[in-house]
Amino acid sequence: MMKRISICLLLLLAACGKSDDGAWLGYGEGDNAFISAPQPGWVSSLHVERGVYVHRGDLLFTLDDTAQIAARDQDVASLETAKASLTQEQANLEYSKRQLERQSGLARANAGTPTNLDLAKSNYEQSAARIAQLQSQIAQTSASLAGATYSLTQRNVVAQTEGRVEDIYFRPGEYVPASTPVLSILPPKNIYVRFFVPETQFSRVHLGEKVRISCDGCKPLDATISFIAQQEEFTPPVIFSVGVREKLVFKLEARAPGGLKLNPGQPVQVRPL
């Protein structure tokens, strides 16, 4: 009786060490999108939390914008001043033009003086030059204002992708260096599977080939092999199989358009099609 029980236990352990009908073992994986601001600053507010699903255009977080508002307001004031000066100088130009026309008429009638004609010409040319200068200044200030306005909008960071918020690295009151991720998002299209093929079966797999993915409680999914490691490695500890834990395997990845409906870390079995 004890002998029969021992044999049954050995058979059970052997079965636990193998995957179903030779399937390759793996797990779901995802490439996170790390969201950062192009400028440094203090985080003033956070509009999402871990696990929340965000859509493109949703506000994620804001940075303190005191300096950016001041820079924009200064450009607005400078632009208004320059436009007012231009209006005044255009009036001066019109007056200088009439004076020049008058002095030119007097000169033709030999009734004026060369000095007055030269002064009228000088006033007209100076006014025209001043208008050109003001127009250039307005163009530069307008460009500076556009830059300041854009810089201000960058203090409100919105999602450029959609997916679940995976992690948050900075919270309100913390200072964020430029281009440093504040949070990470996992877009559904970035979810794929990573699986491991024993070296004895490695010759059977090729880039671009189709595989079928199965897992507990989910429908079978089809994907395409998108990556094959160049070197073999020992079976990683995340693959809980006594029978293969010490064997050499090759790491592969498979993806599908739009991503796979799996959770990162979810155990899967992969079979060639």
Protein backbone atom coordinates (compact mmCIF):
# COMPACT_ATOMS: atom_id res chain seq x y z
CA MET A 1 0.00 0.00 0.00
CA MET A 2 2.76 2.44 0.94
CA LYS A 3 4.57 1.53 -2.26
CA ARG A 4 1.51 2.47 -4.32
CA ILE A 5 1.21 5.78 -2.49
CA SER A 6 4.89 6.55 -3.14
CA ILE A 7 4.52 5.81 -6.83
CA CYS A 8 1.46 8.08 -7.05
CA LEU A 9 3.31 10.91 -5.33
CA LEU A 10 6.26 10.59 -7.70
CA LEU A 11 3.96 10.70 -10.71
CA LEU A 12 2.20 13.77 -9.30
CA LEU A 13 5.47 15.62 -8.76
CA ALA A 14 6.66 14.75 -12.25
CA ALA A 15 3.44 16.11 -13.71
CA CYS A 16 3.81 19.36 -11.76
CA GLY A 17 7.25 19.90 -13.23
CA LYS A 18 6.03 19.88 -16.81
CA SER A 19 3.95 22.38 -18.75
CA ASP A 20 0.80 21.29 -20.50
CA ASP A 21 1.57 19.26 -23.64
CA GLY A 22 4.98 20.82 -24.12
CA ALA A 23 3.85 24.45 -24.02
CA TRP A 24 6.49 27.10 -23.36
CA LEU A 25 6.09 28.98 -20.12
CA GLY A 26 6.10 32.74 -19.84
CA TYR A 27 4.29 35.75 -18.44
CA GLY A 28 2.68 39.01 -19.47
CA GLU A 29 4.93 42.06 -19.72
CA GLY A 30 4.47 45.71 -20.59
CA ASP A 31 6.49 48.72 -21.73
CA ASN A 32 5.58 51.67 -19.52
CA ALA A 33 5.38 55.22 -20.84
CA PHE A 34 7.28 57.49 -18.46
CA ILE A 35 5.63 60.90 -18.26
CA SER A 36 7.80 63.90 -17.48
CA ALA A 37 7.65 67.67 -17.92
CA PRO A 38 10.11 69.38 -20.29
CA GLN A 39 10.84 71.97 -17.61
CA PRO A 40 11.90 71.70 -13.97
CA GLY A 41 9.70 72.91 -11.14
CA TRP A 42 7.71 72.20 -8.01
CA VAL A 43 4.77 69.82 -8.34
CA SER A 44 1.78 71.92 -7.35
CA SER A 45 -1.00 69.39 -7.95
CA LEU A 46 -1.50 65.77 -8.95
CA HIS A 47 -4.69 64.78 -10.76
CA VAL A 48 -4.32 60.99 -10.95
CA GLU A 49 -3.50 58.07 -8.69
CA ARG A 50 -2.12 54.59 -9.23
CA GLY A 51 -4.52 52.26 -10.98
CA VAL A 52 -6.54 55.03 -12.64
CA TYR A 53 -7.12 54.66 -16.38
CA VAL A 54 -6.34 57.89 -18.22
CA HIS A 55 -7.17 58.95 -21.76
CA ARG A 56 -5.28 61.15 -24.19
CA GLY A 57 -5.70 64.80 -23.20
CA ASP A 58 -6.42 64.14 -19.51
CA LEU A 59 -4.61 66.45 -17.09
CA LEU A 60 -2.03 64.46 -15.14
CA PHE A 61 -0.17 66.98 -12.97
CA THR A 62 0.79 70.64 -12.82
CA LEU A 63 4.00 72.46 -11.93
CA ASP A 64 4.26 75.82 -10.19
CA ASP A 65 3.84 78.53 -12.88
CA THR A 66 4.59 81.78 -11.01
CA ALA A 67 7.72 82.60 -13.05
CA GLN A 68 6.07 81.65 -16.35
CA ILE A 69 3.03 83.87 -15.69
CA ALA A 70 5.35 86.80 -14.86
CA ALA A 71 7.32 86.27 -18.08
CA ARG A 72 4.14 86.13 -20.16
CA ASP A 73 2.68 89.26 -18.53
CA GLN A 74 5.94 91.13 -19.13
CA ASP A 75 5.86 90.24 -22.82
CA VAL A 76 2.21 91.30 -23.04
CA ALA A 77 3.06 94.69 -21.52
CA SER A 78 6.07 95.14 -23.80
CA LEU A 79 3.98 94.29 -26.83
CA GLU A 80 1.27 96.78 -25.91
CA THR A 81 3.88 99.50 -25.37
CA ALA A 82 5.55 98.80 -28.71
CA LYS A 83 2.19 98.86 -30.55
CA ALA A 84 1.29 102.20 -28.93
CA SER A 85 4.69 103.62 -29.95
CA LEU A 86 4.15 102.37 -33.49
CA THR A 87 0.77 104.10 -33.70
CA GLN A 88 2.33 107.35 -32.51
CA GLU A 89 5.27 107.04 -34.90
CA GLN A 90 2.95 106.36 -37.85
CA ALA A 91 1.23 109.65 -37.05
CA ASN A 92 4.63 111.36 -36.92
CA LEU A 93 5.52 109.84 -40.28
CA GLU A 94 2.33 111.19 -41.83
CA TYR A 95 3.13 114.66 -40.46
CA SER A 96 6.75 114.42 -41.67
CA LYS A 97 5.51 113.39 -45.10
CA ARG A 98 3.27 116.46 -45.37
CA GLN A 99 6.13 118.70 -44.23
CA LEU A 100 8.46 117.17 -46.81
CA GLU A 101 5.89 117.63 -49.57
CA ARG A 102 5.42 121.27 -48.51
CA GLN A 103 9.15 122.03 -48.44
CA SER A 104 9.63 120.26 -51.78
CA GLY A 105 6.88 122.46 -53.31
CA LEU A 106 8.48 125.60 -51.91
CA ALA A 107 11.85 124.53 -53.27
CA ARG A 108 10.41 124.08 -56.76
CA ALA A 109 8.92 127.58 -56.52
CA ASN A 110 12.22 128.97 -55.24
CA ALA A 111 10.36 130.11 -52.13
CA GLY A 112 11.89 127.83 -49.52
CA THR A 113 15.34 127.28 -48.08
CA PRO A 114 17.65 124.26 -48.54
CA THR A 115 17.98 123.98 -44.75
CA ASN A 116 14.25 123.51 -44.22
CA LEU A 117 14.07 120.99 -47.07
CA ASP A 118 16.97 118.98 -45.64
CA LEU A 119 15.38 119.03 -42.18
CA ALA A 120 12.07 117.81 -43.57
CA LYS A 121 13.83 114.98 -45.43
CA SER A 122 15.76 114.03 -42.28
CA ASN A 123 12.63 114.00 -40.12
CA TYR A 124 10.79 111.85 -42.65
CA GLU A 125 13.64 109.31 -42.97
CA GLN A 126 14.11 109.09 -39.20
CA SER A 127 10.41 108.48 -38.68
CA ALA A 128 10.36 105.77 -41.36
CA ALA A 129 13.42 104.11 -39.77
CA ARG A 130 11.78 104.28 -36.35
CA ILE A 131 8.67 102.56 -37.71
CA ALA A 132 10.76 99.75 -39.19
CA GLN A 133 12.53 99.38 -35.84
CA LEU A 134 9.24 99.23 -33.93
CA GLN A 135 7.79 96.70 -36.36
CA SER A 136 10.84 94.48 -35.83
CA GLN A 137 10.51 94.92 -32.06
CA ILE A 138 6.84 93.95 -32.21
CA ALA A 139 7.66 90.84 -34.22
CA GLN A 140 10.34 89.81 -31.70
CA THR A 141 8.11 90.51 -28.72
CA SER A 142 5.26 88.58 -30.34
CA ALA A 143 7.58 85.61 -30.80
CA SER A 144 8.74 85.92 -27.19
CA LEU A 145 5.12 86.07 -26.04
CA ALA A 146 4.28 82.96 -28.03
CA GLY A 147 7.21 81.18 -26.40
CA ALA A 148 6.21 82.37 -22.93
CA THR A 149 2.62 81.27 -23.52
CA TYR A 150 3.75 77.85 -24.71
CA SER A 151 6.10 77.55 -21.73
CA LEU A 152 3.16 78.33 -19.45
CA THR A 153 1.02 75.63 -21.04
CA GLN A 154 3.82 73.11 -20.43
CA ARG A 155 3.32 73.54 -16.70
CA ASN A 156 0.06 71.60 -17.13
CA VAL A 157 1.12 68.14 -18.27
CA VAL A 158 -1.60 66.20 -20.12
CA ALA A 159 -1.55 62.60 -21.27
CA GLN A 160 -0.30 62.01 -24.80
CA THR A 161 -1.28 58.34 -24.57
CA GLU A 162 -3.87 56.27 -22.74
CA GLY A 163 -3.56 53.50 -20.22
CA ARG A 164 -3.43 52.65 -16.54
CA VAL A 165 -1.26 54.68 -14.17
CA GLU A 166 1.33 52.21 -12.91
CA ASP A 167 3.41 54.30 -10.55
CA ILE A 168 3.88 57.82 -9.21
CA TYR A 169 7.39 59.08 -8.45
CA PHE A 170 6.76 62.70 -7.33
CA ARG A 171 3.95 64.24 -5.36
CA PRO A 172 2.84 67.83 -4.61
CA GLY A 173 5.51 69.80 -2.81
CA GLU A 174 8.41 67.91 -4.39
CA TYR A 175 10.83 69.46 -6.90
CA VAL A 176 11.17 67.72 -10.24
CA PRO A 177 14.27 68.18 -12.44
CA ALA A 178 13.67 68.67 -16.15
CA SER A 179 12.82 65.54 -18.16
CA THR A 180 12.50 63.44 -14.98
CA PRO A 181 9.48 61.09 -14.97
CA VAL A 182 6.75 62.07 -12.53
CA LEU A 183 4.58 59.02 -13.23
CA SER A 184 4.35 56.02 -15.54
CA ILE A 185 1.47 54.79 -17.67
CA LEU A 186 1.04 51.37 -19.25
CA PRO A 187 -0.73 51.70 -22.63
CA PRO A 188 -2.70 48.54 -23.53
CA LYS A 189 -0.95 48.40 -26.89
CA ASN A 190 2.39 47.97 -25.08
CA ILE A 191 1.43 44.70 -23.37
CA TYR A 192 3.14 41.60 -24.75
CA VAL A 193 4.33 38.20 -23.53
CA ARG A 194 7.81 37.10 -22.62
CA PHE A 195 8.39 33.37 -22.73
CA PHE A 196 11.26 30.90 -22.65
CA VAL A 197 12.11 28.15 -25.09
CA PRO A 198 14.48 25.30 -24.12
CA GLU A 199 17.64 25.18 -26.18
CA THR A 200 16.62 21.75 -27.48
CA GLN A 201 13.60 23.39 -29.18
CA PHE A 202 15.23 26.68 -30.12
CA SER A 203 15.63 25.74 -33.79
CA ARG A 204 11.84 25.57 -34.09
CA VAL A 205 11.24 29.27 -33.51
CA HIS A 206 11.80 32.19 -35.88
CA LEU A 207 11.02 35.89 -35.94
CA GLY A 208 7.62 36.68 -37.41
CA GLU A 209 6.10 33.29 -36.63
CA LYS A 210 2.68 33.05 -35.02
CA VAL A 211 2.12 31.64 -31.55
CA ARG A 212 -0.97 31.01 -29.45
CA ILE A 213 -1.10 32.23 -25.87
CA SER A 214 -3.29 30.69 -23.20
CA CYS A 215 -3.76 31.35 -19.50
CA ASP A 216 -6.13 30.47 -16.70
CA GLY A 217 -9.51 32.10 -17.17
CA CYS A 218 -8.77 33.84 -20.48
CA LYS A 219 -9.47 33.16 -24.11
CA PRO A 220 -6.59 32.02 -26.33
CA LEU A 221 -4.70 34.90 -27.94
CA ASP A 222 -2.61 34.90 -31.10
CA ALA A 223 0.60 36.89 -31.34
CA THR A 224 3.73 37.18 -33.45
CA ILE A 225 7.27 36.49 -32.26
CA SER A 226 8.94 39.92 -32.24
CA PHE A 227 12.17 39.27 -30.37
CA ILE A 228 14.59 36.37 -29.88
CA ALA A 229 17.50 36.69 -27.46
CA GLN A 230 20.97 36.16 -28.87
CA GLN A 231 22.22 34.24 -25.84
CA GLU A 232 20.80 31.48 -23.73
CA GLU A 233 20.23 31.83 -20.01
CA PHE A 234 19.05 29.83 -17.04
CA THR A 235 15.31 29.61 -16.51
CA PRO A 236 14.30 32.71 -14.53
CA PRO A 237 12.79 32.23 -11.07
CA VAL A 238 9.43 33.60 -12.21
CA ILE A 239 8.88 30.38 -14.16
CA PHE A 240 7.64 28.08 -11.43
CA SER A 241 8.42 24.69 -12.89
CA VAL A 242 10.55 22.16 -11.05
CA GLY A 243 11.29 20.28 -14.22
CA VAL A 244 12.81 23.19 -16.15
CA ARG A 245 14.23 25.48 -13.48
CA GLU A 246 17.81 24.40 -14.10
CA LYS A 247 17.67 24.08 -17.87
CA LEU A 248 19.12 26.56 -20.34
CA VAL A 249 16.51 28.49 -22.28
CA PHE A 250 16.24 31.34 -24.78
CA LYS A 251 14.11 34.38 -24.05
CA LEU A 252 11.53 35.36 -26.67
CA GLU A 253 8.83 38.00 -26.91
CA ALA A 254 5.58 38.01 -28.85
CA ARG A 255 3.30 40.95 -29.60
CA ALA A 256 0.00 41.61 -31.29
CA PRO A 257 -1.39 44.77 -32.92
CA GLY A 258 -3.10 46.80 -30.23
CA GLY A 259 -1.46 44.79 -27.46
CA LEU A 260 -2.53 41.65 -25.61
CA LYS A 261 -5.33 41.56 -23.05
CA LEU A 262 -3.12 40.35 -20.22
CA ASN A 263 -1.81 41.73 -16.96
CA PRO A 264 1.95 42.15 -16.52
CA GLY A 265 3.25 39.21 -14.51
CA GLN A 266 0.32 36.96 -15.44
CA PRO A 267 1.57 33.40 -16.12
CA VAL A 268 0.92 32.16 -19.64
CA GLN A 269 1.60 29.18 -21.83
CA VAL A 270 2.76 29.65 -25.40
CA ARG A 271 2.44 27.17 -28.25
CA PRO A 272 3.56 27.46 -31.87
CA LEU A 273 0.86 27.65 -34.53
